[in-house]
Amino acid sequence: MRLLALVLVVALTGCASIKDMVPSFQDPNQSAKIIDVRQSVAQLDCKQPHAPQVKQIKDNLQWFELYSTSKGERQKDVLRLIKPMQETVDDFYKRSTSEKQGSDAYCEIKKKLMTTQAERAASAVLGRF
């Protein structure tokens, strides 16, 4: 009897950890918004004021996060996907809204990084079934 109880405890604990490894299902709203993020990054013009452009990217990521958290616990995987990009965008936005905007070179570096992050996130979000 004790052996059966031990096996059940191990089996149930094992299933709980597996749940975090199973990806969430495809969602057309998330798919559309992550493409909005990619498009905003692609259209970023470093010769123009950075703050309003970065704010649009920041707002799209916030929408994605709020929508995903509203869907519930099963969306942790997509939230982990966008976290690095949110950190990059937050840093860029703080720099862009300070007294002196970052240089064009700084913007180009951030754009390249955000492009890579957006491509990876979009690939993962759109690759779900």
Protein backbone atom coordinates (compact mmCIF):
# COMPACT_ATOMS: atom_id res chain seq x y z
CA MET A 1 0.00 0.00 0.00
CA ARG A 2 2.80 2.40 0.89
CA LEU A 3 4.55 1.55 -2.35
CA LEU A 4 1.42 2.41 -4.32
CA ALA A 5 1.11 5.75 -2.49
CA LEU A 6 4.76 6.54 -3.20
CA VAL A 7 4.34 5.71 -6.90
CA LEU A 8 1.25 7.93 -7.10
CA VAL A 9 3.05 10.87 -5.47
CA VAL A 10 6.01 10.54 -7.84
CA ALA A 11 3.72 10.21 -10.86
CA LEU A 12 1.63 13.24 -9.93
CA THR A 13 4.66 15.38 -9.20
CA GLY A 14 6.22 14.36 -12.50
CA CYS A 15 3.10 15.35 -14.45
CA ALA A 16 3.09 18.80 -12.88
CA SER A 17 6.59 19.53 -14.16
CA ILE A 18 5.77 18.24 -17.64
CA LYS A 19 2.89 20.72 -17.96
CA ASP A 20 5.38 23.61 -18.22
CA MET A 21 7.13 21.88 -21.12
CA VAL A 22 4.01 21.53 -23.27
CA PRO A 23 3.57 24.59 -25.53
CA SER A 24 0.36 26.55 -25.61
CA PHE A 25 -1.93 26.24 -28.62
CA GLN A 26 -2.02 28.54 -31.63
CA ASP A 27 -3.96 31.77 -31.16
CA PRO A 28 -4.71 34.06 -34.12
CA ASN A 29 -4.74 37.19 -31.93
CA GLN A 30 -1.27 36.48 -30.57
CA SER A 31 -0.06 35.65 -34.06
CA ALA A 32 -1.33 38.96 -35.45
CA LYS A 33 0.11 41.02 -32.60
CA ILE A 34 3.58 39.47 -32.78
CA ILE A 35 3.64 40.37 -36.48
CA ASP A 36 2.62 43.92 -35.50
CA VAL A 37 5.68 43.94 -33.22
CA ARG A 38 7.92 42.69 -36.05
CA GLN A 39 6.53 45.28 -38.43
CA SER A 40 7.04 48.12 -35.92
CA VAL A 41 10.65 47.06 -35.45
CA ALA A 42 11.22 46.72 -39.20
CA GLN A 43 9.83 50.22 -39.81
CA LEU A 44 11.92 51.84 -37.06
CA ASP A 45 13.69 54.82 -38.65
CA CYS A 46 16.74 55.81 -36.64
CA LYS A 47 16.89 59.20 -38.37
CA GLN A 48 13.51 60.15 -36.84
CA PRO A 49 12.77 60.71 -33.12
CA HIS A 50 13.10 57.35 -31.41
CA ALA A 51 10.66 57.70 -28.50
CA PRO A 52 7.33 57.62 -30.39
CA GLN A 53 8.47 54.68 -32.51
CA VAL A 54 9.74 52.70 -29.54
CA LYS A 55 6.54 53.53 -27.63
CA GLN A 56 4.54 51.79 -30.37
CA ILE A 57 6.69 48.66 -30.03
CA LYS A 58 6.39 48.85 -26.24
CA ASP A 59 2.58 49.18 -26.48
CA ASN A 60 2.30 46.20 -28.84
CA LEU A 61 4.36 44.06 -26.47
CA GLN A 62 2.24 45.19 -23.54
CA TRP A 63 -0.94 44.26 -25.43
CA PHE A 64 0.55 40.84 -26.17
CA GLU A 65 1.47 40.34 -22.50
CA LEU A 66 -1.91 41.50 -21.17
CA TYR A 67 -3.81 39.34 -23.65
CA SER A 68 -1.66 36.30 -22.87
CA THR A 69 -1.93 36.66 -19.11
CA SER A 70 -5.70 37.12 -19.44
CA LYS A 71 -5.88 33.77 -21.24
CA GLY A 72 -4.47 32.06 -18.15
CA GLU A 73 -1.76 29.83 -16.85
CA ARG A 74 -1.16 27.97 -20.12
CA GLN A 75 0.45 31.00 -21.76
CA LYS A 76 3.69 31.01 -19.77
CA ASP A 77 5.67 29.82 -22.78
CA VAL A 78 4.82 32.83 -24.95
CA LEU A 79 5.40 35.21 -22.05
CA ARG A 80 8.92 33.78 -21.68
CA LEU A 81 9.45 34.38 -25.41
CA ILE A 82 8.78 38.11 -25.25
CA LYS A 83 10.49 38.86 -21.91
CA PRO A 84 13.98 39.50 -23.37
CA MET A 85 12.50 41.79 -26.01
CA GLN A 86 10.50 43.68 -23.39
CA GLU A 87 13.72 44.32 -21.47
CA THR A 88 15.45 45.58 -24.63
CA VAL A 89 12.52 47.83 -25.54
CA ASP A 90 12.19 49.20 -21.99
CA ASP A 91 15.89 50.12 -21.94
CA PHE A 92 15.63 51.72 -25.38
CA TYR A 93 12.49 53.65 -24.39
CA LYS A 94 14.08 54.99 -21.20
CA ARG A 95 17.07 56.15 -23.19
CA SER A 96 14.87 57.69 -25.90
CA THR A 97 12.76 59.66 -23.44
CA SER A 98 15.70 61.01 -21.45
CA GLU A 99 16.98 64.53 -21.98
CA LYS A 100 19.25 63.41 -24.78
CA GLN A 101 18.05 60.75 -27.19
CA GLY A 102 20.52 57.98 -28.01
CA SER A 103 22.65 58.25 -31.13
CA ASP A 104 21.72 56.81 -34.51
CA ALA A 105 24.36 54.11 -33.99
CA TYR A 106 22.78 53.19 -30.64
CA CYS A 107 19.39 52.99 -32.37
CA GLU A 108 20.75 50.77 -35.15
CA ILE A 109 22.27 48.38 -32.60
CA LYS A 110 19.01 48.19 -30.66
CA LYS A 111 17.04 47.75 -33.88
CA LYS A 112 19.23 44.85 -34.95
CA LEU A 113 18.81 43.19 -31.56
CA MET A 114 15.04 43.75 -31.52
CA THR A 115 14.78 42.43 -35.08
CA THR A 116 16.41 39.16 -34.05
CA GLN A 117 14.26 38.91 -30.92
CA ALA A 118 11.04 39.67 -32.84
CA GLU A 119 11.89 37.14 -35.56
CA ARG A 120 12.49 34.40 -32.99
CA ALA A 121 9.34 35.22 -31.03
CA ALA A 122 7.23 35.37 -34.19
CA SER A 123 8.63 32.08 -35.45
CA ALA A 124 7.76 30.36 -32.17
CA VAL A 125 4.30 31.93 -31.84
CA LEU A 126 3.36 31.20 -35.44
CA GLY A 127 4.88 27.71 -35.29
CA ARG A 128 2.38 26.44 -32.71
CA PHE A 129 -0.51 24.22 -33.70
